[in-house]
């Protein structure tokens, strides 16, 4: 099972989210799929996916979780 998360943030918040994830280095690694649209992939393991989702949900920035099918339809999946 793919444990990756896909999220969308305002482009100005990409670096912020990346820095937060760097601080929690064991949770996941951020890859920018579309800088202009703010679409990011967070590579997690099945053991860290839920904790990563919970952490992202607490951030004080607008953030939207995207389904695999939405990302695939946008042609942004790596």
PDB file of N, CA and C in Angstrom:
ATOM      1  N   UNK A   1       0.836  -1.187   0.000  1.00  0.00           N
ATOM      2  CA  UNK A   1       0.000   0.000   0.000  1.00  0.00           C
ATOM      3  C   UNK A   1       0.877   1.245   0.000  1.00  0.00           C
ATOM      4  N   UNK A   2       0.540   2.181  -0.847  1.00  0.00           N
ATOM      5  CA  UNK A   2       1.248   3.453  -0.909  1.00  0.00           C
ATOM      6  C   UNK A   2       0.785   4.317   0.259  1.00  0.00           C
ATOM      7  N   UNK A   3       1.700   4.742   1.101  1.00  0.00           N
ATOM      8  CA  UNK A   3       1.363   5.538   2.276  1.00  0.00           C
ATOM      9  C   UNK A   3       1.567   7.033   2.048  1.00  0.00           C
ATOM     10  N   UNK A   4       1.924   7.430   0.834  1.00  0.00           N
ATOM     11  CA  UNK A   4       2.192   8.837   0.562  1.00  0.00           C
ATOM     12  C   UNK A   4       0.942   9.687   0.747  1.00  0.00           C
ATOM     13  N   UNK A   5       1.165  10.927   1.157  1.00  0.00           N
ATOM     14  CA  UNK A   5       0.099  11.908   1.269  1.00  0.00           C
ATOM     15  C   UNK A   5       0.310  12.969   0.201  1.00  0.00           C
ATOM     16  N   UNK A   6      -0.779  13.472  -0.339  1.00  0.00           N
ATOM     17  CA  UNK A   6      -0.725  14.575  -1.288  1.00  0.00           C
ATOM     18  C   UNK A   6      -1.525  15.717  -0.687  1.00  0.00           C
ATOM     19  N   UNK A   7      -0.928  16.902  -0.678  1.00  0.00           N
ATOM     20  CA  UNK A   7      -1.593  18.066  -0.107  1.00  0.00           C
ATOM     21  C   UNK A   7      -1.436  19.248  -1.039  1.00  0.00           C
ATOM     22  N   UNK A   8      -2.327  20.210  -0.841  1.00  0.00           N
ATOM     23  CA  UNK A   8      -2.220  21.462  -1.576  1.00  0.00           C
ATOM     24  C   UNK A   8      -2.207  22.594  -0.568  1.00  0.00           C
ATOM     25  N   UNK A   9      -1.239  23.486  -0.726  1.00  0.00           N
ATOM     26  CA  UNK A   9      -1.112  24.668   0.111  1.00  0.00           C
ATOM     27  C   UNK A   9      -0.932  25.875  -0.793  1.00  0.00           C
ATOM     28  N   UNK A  10      -1.057  27.050  -0.223  1.00  0.00           N
ATOM     29  CA  UNK A  10      -0.741  28.242  -0.998  1.00  0.00           C
ATOM     30  C   UNK A  10       0.750  28.187  -1.319  1.00  0.00           C
ATOM     31  N   UNK A  11       1.137  28.536  -2.534  1.00  0.00           N
ATOM     32  CA  UNK A  11       2.551  28.449  -2.906  1.00  0.00           C
ATOM     33  C   UNK A  11       3.499  29.136  -1.926  1.00  0.00           C
ATOM     34  N   UNK A  12       3.058  30.216  -1.311  1.00  0.00           N
ATOM     35  CA  UNK A  12       3.930  30.916  -0.358  1.00  0.00           C
ATOM     36  C   UNK A  12       4.177  30.107   0.905  1.00  0.00           C
ATOM     37  N   UNK A  13       3.384  29.050   1.138  1.00  0.00           N
ATOM     38  CA  UNK A  13       3.529  28.220   2.330  1.00  0.00           C
ATOM     39  C   UNK A  13       4.307  26.926   2.087  1.00  0.00           C
ATOM     40  N   UNK A  14       4.782  26.706   0.875  1.00  0.00           N
ATOM     41  CA  UNK A  14       5.519  25.478   0.573  1.00  0.00           C
ATOM     42  C   UNK A  14       6.769  25.372   1.441  1.00  0.00           C
ATOM     43  N   UNK A  15       7.548  26.417   1.509  1.00  0.00           N
ATOM     44  CA  UNK A  15       8.787  26.380   2.290  1.00  0.00           C
ATOM     45  C   UNK A  15       8.483  26.171   3.776  1.00  0.00           C
ATOM     46  N   UNK A  16       7.442  26.822   4.276  1.00  0.00           N
ATOM     47  CA  UNK A  16       7.045  26.658   5.673  1.00  0.00           C
ATOM     48  C   UNK A  16       6.741  25.198   5.980  1.00  0.00           C
ATOM     49  N   UNK A  17       5.893  24.576   5.153  1.00  0.00           N
ATOM     50  CA  UNK A  17       5.539  23.179   5.378  1.00  0.00           C
ATOM     51  C   UNK A  17       6.772  22.285   5.276  1.00  0.00           C
ATOM     52  N   UNK A  18       7.629  22.560   4.322  1.00  0.00           N
ATOM     53  CA  UNK A  18       8.852  21.778   4.156  1.00  0.00           C
ATOM     54  C   UNK A  18       9.725  21.879   5.405  1.00  0.00           C
ATOM     55  N   UNK A  19       9.851  23.062   5.959  1.00  0.00           N
ATOM     56  CA  UNK A  19      10.672  23.252   7.174  1.00  0.00           C
ATOM     57  C   UNK A  19      10.071  22.521   8.368  1.00  0.00           C
ATOM     58  N   UNK A  20       8.762  22.555   8.490  1.00  0.00           N
ATOM     59  CA  UNK A  20       8.109  21.818   9.577  1.00  0.00           C
ATOM     60  C   UNK A  20       8.418  20.331   9.449  1.00  0.00           C
ATOM     61  N   UNK A  21       8.276  19.803   8.238  1.00  0.00           N
ATOM     62  CA  UNK A  21       8.529  18.378   8.034  1.00  0.00           C
ATOM     63  C   UNK A  21       9.997  18.034   8.251  1.00  0.00           C
ATOM     64  N   UNK A  22      10.901  18.940   7.911  1.00  0.00           N
ATOM     65  CA  UNK A  22      12.325  18.698   8.178  1.00  0.00           C
ATOM     66  C   UNK A  22      12.575  18.581   9.676  1.00  0.00           C
ATOM     67  N   UNK A  23      11.832  19.351  10.464  1.00  0.00           N
ATOM     68  CA  UNK A  23      11.966  19.282  11.915  1.00  0.00           C
ATOM     69  C   UNK A  23      11.469  17.961  12.491  1.00  0.00           C
ATOM     70  N   UNK A  24      10.546  17.325  11.780  1.00  0.00           N
ATOM     71  CA  UNK A  24      10.024  16.011  12.165  1.00  0.00           C
ATOM     72  C   UNK A  24      10.549  14.986  11.163  1.00  0.00           C
ATOM     73  N   UNK A  25      11.847  14.915  11.026  1.00  0.00           N
ATOM     74  CA  UNK A  25      12.478  14.175   9.930  1.00  0.00           C
ATOM     75  C   UNK A  25      12.079  12.710   9.817  1.00  0.00           C
ATOM     76  N   UNK A  26      11.625  12.118  10.878  1.00  0.00           N
ATOM     77  CA  UNK A  26      11.249  10.708  10.810  1.00  0.00           C
ATOM     78  C   UNK A  26       9.842  10.501  10.247  1.00  0.00           C
ATOM     79  N   UNK A  27       9.059  11.574  10.074  1.00  0.00           N
ATOM     80  CA  UNK A  27       7.677  11.415   9.624  1.00  0.00           C
ATOM     81  C   UNK A  27       7.534  11.264   8.117  1.00  0.00           C
ATOM     82  N   UNK A  28       8.208  12.093   7.353  1.00  0.00           N
ATOM     83  CA  UNK A  28       8.047  12.031   5.907  1.00  0.00           C
ATOM     84  C   UNK A  28       8.912  13.043   5.206  1.00  0.00           C
ATOM     85  N   UNK A  29       9.041  12.876   3.911  1.00  0.00           N
ATOM     86  CA  UNK A  29       9.873  13.744   3.090  1.00  0.00           C
ATOM     87  C   UNK A  29       8.994  14.448   2.051  1.00  0.00           C
ATOM     88  N   UNK A  30       9.163  15.750   1.934  1.00  0.00           N
ATOM     89  CA  UNK A  30       8.322  16.567   1.056  1.00  0.00           C
ATOM     90  C   UNK A  30       8.949  16.695  -0.323  1.00  0.00           C
ATOM     91  N   UNK A  31       8.128  16.517  -1.343  1.00  0.00           N
ATOM     92  CA  UNK A  31       8.511  16.754  -2.727  1.00  0.00           C
ATOM     93  C   UNK A  31       7.464  17.678  -3.336  1.00  0.00           C
ATOM     94  N   UNK A  32       7.907  18.733  -3.997  1.00  0.00           N
ATOM     95  CA  UNK A  32       6.986  19.646  -4.669  1.00  0.00           C
ATOM     96  C   UNK A  32       6.673  19.083  -6.050  1.00  0.00           C
ATOM     97  N   UNK A  33       5.395  18.865  -6.308  1.00  0.00           N
ATOM     98  CA  UNK A  33       4.968  18.360  -7.615  1.00  0.00           C
ATOM     99  C   UNK A  33       4.581  19.492  -8.557  1.00  0.00           C
ATOM    100  N   UNK A  34       3.986  20.541  -8.013  1.00  0.00           N
ATOM    101  CA  UNK A  34       3.608  21.698  -8.822  1.00  0.00           C
ATOM    102  C   UNK A  34       3.725  22.939  -7.944  1.00  0.00           C
ATOM    103  N   UNK A  35       4.790  23.679  -8.128  1.00  0.00           N
ATOM    104  CA  UNK A  35       5.073  24.843  -7.285  1.00  0.00           C
ATOM    105  C   UNK A  35       3.998  25.909  -7.433  1.00  0.00           C
ATOM    106  N   UNK A  36       3.546  26.158  -8.637  1.00  0.00           N
ATOM    107  CA  UNK A  36       2.553  27.212  -8.853  1.00  0.00           C
ATOM    108  C   UNK A  36       1.198  26.875  -8.252  1.00  0.00           C
ATOM    109  N   UNK A  37       0.833  25.609  -8.260  1.00  0.00           N
ATOM    110  CA  UNK A  37      -0.442  25.184  -7.686  1.00  0.00           C
ATOM    111  C   UNK A  37      -0.316  24.794  -6.215  1.00  0.00           C
ATOM    112  N   UNK A  38       0.912  24.689  -5.713  1.00  0.00           N
ATOM    113  CA  UNK A  38       1.126  24.336  -4.310  1.00  0.00           C
ATOM    114  C   UNK A  38       0.835  22.874  -3.998  1.00  0.00           C
ATOM    115  N   UNK A  39       1.035  21.995  -4.977  1.00  0.00           N
ATOM    116  CA  UNK A  39       0.760  20.563  -4.774  1.00  0.00           C
ATOM    117  C   UNK A  39       2.042  19.864  -4.341  1.00  0.00           C
ATOM    118  N   UNK A  40       1.948  19.188  -3.199  1.00  0.00           N
ATOM    119  CA  UNK A  40       3.095  18.527  -2.599  1.00  0.00           C
ATOM    120  C   UNK A  40       2.811  17.052  -2.360  1.00  0.00           C
ATOM    121  N   UNK A  41       3.868  16.276  -2.425  1.00  0.00           N
ATOM    122  CA  UNK A  41       3.800  14.858  -2.076  1.00  0.00           C
ATOM    123  C   UNK A  41       4.627  14.688  -0.807  1.00  0.00           C
ATOM    124  N   UNK A  42       4.072  14.014   0.168  1.00  0.00           N
ATOM    125  CA  UNK A  42       4.810  13.730   1.394  1.00  0.00           C
ATOM    126  C   UNK A  42       4.967  12.220   1.482  1.00  0.00           C
ATOM    127  N   UNK A  43       6.198  11.792   1.353  1.00  0.00           N
ATOM    128  CA  UNK A  43       6.486  10.351   1.372  1.00  0.00           C
ATOM    129  C   UNK A  43       6.549   9.880   2.812  1.00  0.00           C
ATOM    130  N   UNK A  44       5.586   9.066   3.167  1.00  0.00           N
ATOM    131  CA  UNK A  44       5.466   8.524   4.513  1.00  0.00           C
ATOM    132  C   UNK A  44       5.574   7.009   4.451  1.00  0.00           C
ATOM    133  N   UNK A  45       5.651   6.415   5.606  1.00  0.00           N
ATOM    134  CA  UNK A  45       5.509   4.962   5.702  1.00  0.00           C
ATOM    135  C   UNK A  45       4.131   4.687   6.279  1.00  0.00           C
ATOM    136  N   UNK A  46       3.706   3.460   6.203  1.00  0.00           N
ATOM    137  CA  UNK A  46       2.399   3.120   6.779  1.00  0.00           C
ATOM    138  C   UNK A  46       2.387   3.379   8.289  1.00  0.00           C
ATOM    139  N   UNK A  47       3.551   3.331   8.916  1.00  0.00           N
ATOM    140  CA  UNK A  47       3.646   3.579  10.357  1.00  0.00           C
ATOM    141  C   UNK A  47       3.573   5.059  10.711  1.00  0.00           C
ATOM    142  N   UNK A  48       3.935   5.949   9.790  1.00  0.00           N
ATOM    143  CA  UNK A  48       3.971   7.379  10.112  1.00  0.00           C
ATOM    144  C   UNK A  48       2.866   8.184   9.423  1.00  0.00           C
ATOM    145  N   UNK A  49       2.085   7.550   8.567  1.00  0.00           N
ATOM    146  CA  UNK A  49       1.083   8.290   7.784  1.00  0.00           C
ATOM    147  C   UNK A  49       0.058   9.003   8.662  1.00  0.00           C
ATOM    148  N   UNK A  50      -0.533   8.319   9.619  1.00  0.00           N
ATOM    149  CA  UNK A  50      -1.563   8.920  10.462  1.00  0.00           C
ATOM    150  C   UNK A  50      -0.985  10.064  11.293  1.00  0.00           C
ATOM    151  N   UNK A  51       0.183   9.860  11.869  1.00  0.00           N
ATOM    152  CA  UNK A  51       0.820  10.912  12.664  1.00  0.00           C
ATOM    153  C   UNK A  51       1.134  12.135  11.794  1.00  0.00           C
ATOM    154  N   UNK A  52       1.546  11.895  10.554  1.00  0.00           N
ATOM    155  CA  UNK A  52       1.831  12.990   9.643  1.00  0.00           C
ATOM    156  C   UNK A  52       0.550  13.757   9.314  1.00  0.00           C
ATOM    157  N   UNK A  53      -0.531  13.042   9.050  1.00  0.00           N
ATOM    158  CA  UNK A  53      -1.820  13.684   8.781  1.00  0.00           C
ATOM    159  C   UNK A  53      -2.252  14.541   9.972  1.00  0.00           C
ATOM    160  N   UNK A  54      -2.096  13.998  11.163  1.00  0.00           N
ATOM    161  CA  UNK A  54      -2.481  14.739  12.358  1.00  0.00           C
ATOM    162  C   UNK A  54      -1.643  16.004  12.521  1.00  0.00           C
ATOM    163  N   UNK A  55      -0.340  15.894  12.292  1.00  0.00           N
ATOM    164  CA  UNK A  55       0.538  17.060  12.388  1.00  0.00           C
ATOM    165  C   UNK A  55       0.125  18.123  11.370  1.00  0.00           C
ATOM    166  N   UNK A  56      -0.068  17.719  10.124  1.00  0.00           N
ATOM    167  CA  UNK A  56      -0.437  18.668   9.081  1.00  0.00           C
ATOM    168  C   UNK A  56      -1.765  19.346   9.387  1.00  0.00           C
ATOM    169  N   UNK A  57      -2.671  18.617  10.009  1.00  0.00           N
ATOM    170  CA  UNK A  57      -3.986  19.167  10.342  1.00  0.00           C
ATOM    171  C   UNK A  57      -3.902  20.251  11.405  1.00  0.00           C
ATOM    172  N   UNK A  58      -2.833  20.284  12.171  1.00  0.00           N
ATOM    173  CA  UNK A  58      -2.695  21.290  13.228  1.00  0.00           C
ATOM    174  C   UNK A  58      -2.027  22.571  12.749  1.00  0.00           C
ATOM    175  N   UNK A  59      -1.465  22.565  11.549  1.00  0.00           N
ATOM    176  CA  UNK A  59      -0.780  23.754  11.053  1.00  0.00           C
ATOM    177  C   UNK A  59      -1.772  24.893  10.830  1.00  0.00           C
ATOM    178  N   UNK A  60      -1.331  26.087  11.098  1.00  0.00           N
ATOM    179  CA  UNK A  60      -2.193  27.267  10.986  1.00  0.00           C
ATOM    180  C   UNK A  60      -2.119  27.901   9.596  1.00  0.00           C
ATOM    181  N   UNK A  61      -2.084  27.049   8.581  1.00  0.00           N
ATOM    182  CA  UNK A  61      -2.106  27.516   7.195  1.00  0.00           C
ATOM    183  C   UNK A  61      -3.222  26.768   6.468  1.00  0.00           C
ATOM    184  N   UNK A  62      -3.787  27.361   5.428  1.00  0.00           N
ATOM    185  CA  UNK A  62      -4.773  26.626   4.634  1.00  0.00           C
ATOM    186  C   UNK A  62      -4.095  25.421   3.969  1.00  0.00           C
ATOM    187  N   UNK A  63      -4.632  24.248   4.175  1.00  0.00           N
ATOM    188  CA  UNK A  63      -4.050  23.016   3.645  1.00  0.00           C
ATOM    189  C   UNK A  63      -5.185  22.081   3.271  1.00  0.00           C
ATOM    190  N   UNK A  64      -5.076  21.505   2.089  1.00  0.00           N
ATOM    191  CA  UNK A  64      -6.098  20.564   1.614  1.00  0.00           C
ATOM    192  C   UNK A  64      -5.438  19.243   1.276  1.00  0.00           C
ATOM    193  N   UNK A  65      -5.969  18.166   1.842  1.00  0.00           N
ATOM    194  CA  UNK A  65      -5.495  16.829   1.499  1.00  0.00           C
ATOM    195  C   UNK A  65      -6.113  16.441   0.159  1.00  0.00           C
ATOM    196  N   UNK A  66      -5.295  15.894  -0.722  1.00  0.00           N
ATOM    197  CA  UNK A  66      -5.750  15.466  -2.045  1.00  0.00           C
ATOM    198  C   UNK A  66      -5.725  13.953  -2.125  1.00  0.00           C
ATOM    199  N   UNK A  67      -6.705  13.400  -2.796  1.00  0.00           N
ATOM    200  CA  UNK A  67      -6.722  11.949  -2.998  1.00  0.00           C
ATOM    201  C   UNK A  67      -5.769  11.590  -4.134  1.00  0.00           C
ATOM    202  N   UNK A  68      -5.343  10.333  -4.150  1.00  0.00           N
ATOM    203  CA  UNK A  68      -4.479   9.847  -5.233  1.00  0.00           C
ATOM    204  C   UNK A  68      -5.136  10.063  -6.587  1.00  0.00           C
ATOM    205  N   UNK A  69      -6.450   9.864  -6.656  1.00  0.00           N
ATOM    206  CA  UNK A  69      -7.141   9.986  -7.935  1.00  0.00           C
ATOM    207  C   UNK A  69      -7.162  11.430  -8.435  1.00  0.00           C
ATOM    208  N   UNK A  70      -7.289  12.390  -7.529  1.00  0.00           N
ATOM    209  CA  UNK A  70      -7.256  13.802  -7.941  1.00  0.00           C
ATOM    210  C   UNK A  70      -5.881  14.153  -8.474  1.00  0.00           C
ATOM    211  N   UNK A  71      -4.848  13.719  -7.777  1.00  0.00           N
ATOM    212  CA  UNK A  71      -3.480  14.020  -8.210  1.00  0.00           C
ATOM    213  C   UNK A  71      -3.193  13.360  -9.552  1.00  0.00           C
ATOM    214  N   UNK A  72      -3.648  12.129  -9.724  1.00  0.00           N
ATOM    215  CA  UNK A  72      -3.448  11.434 -10.997  1.00  0.00           C
ATOM    216  C   UNK A  72      -4.182  12.152 -12.125  1.00  0.00           C
ATOM    217  N   UNK A  73      -5.397  12.624 -11.848  1.00  0.00           N
ATOM    218  CA  UNK A  73      -6.167  13.331 -12.866  1.00  0.00           C
ATOM    219  C   UNK A  73      -5.502  14.644 -13.263  1.00  0.00           C
ATOM    220  N   UNK A  74      -4.800  15.257 -12.316  1.00  0.00           N
ATOM    221  CA  UNK A  74      -4.075  16.490 -12.614  1.00  0.00           C
ATOM    222  C   UNK A  74      -2.771  16.213 -13.359  1.00  0.00           C
ATOM    223  N   UNK A  75      -2.401  14.933 -13.424  1.00  0.00           N
ATOM    224  CA  UNK A  75      -1.158  14.559 -14.106  1.00  0.00           C
ATOM    225  C   UNK A  75       0.084  14.935 -13.322  1.00  0.00           C
ATOM    226  N   UNK A  76      -0.040  15.028 -11.991  1.00  0.00           N
ATOM    227  CA  UNK A  76       1.058  15.469 -11.150  1.00  0.00           C
ATOM    228  C   UNK A  76       1.714  14.352 -10.368  1.00  0.00           C
ATOM    229  N   UNK A  77       1.270  13.151 -10.561  1.00  0.00           N
ATOM    230  CA  UNK A  77       1.802  12.042  -9.783  1.00  0.00           C
ATOM    231  C   UNK A  77       3.164  11.627 -10.318  1.00  0.00           C
ATOM    232  N   UNK A  78       4.110  11.444  -9.411  1.00  0.00           N
ATOM    233  CA  UNK A  78       5.448  11.005  -9.800  1.00  0.00           C
ATOM    234  C   UNK A  78       5.508   9.501  -9.888  1.00  0.00           C
TER     235      UNK A  78
END
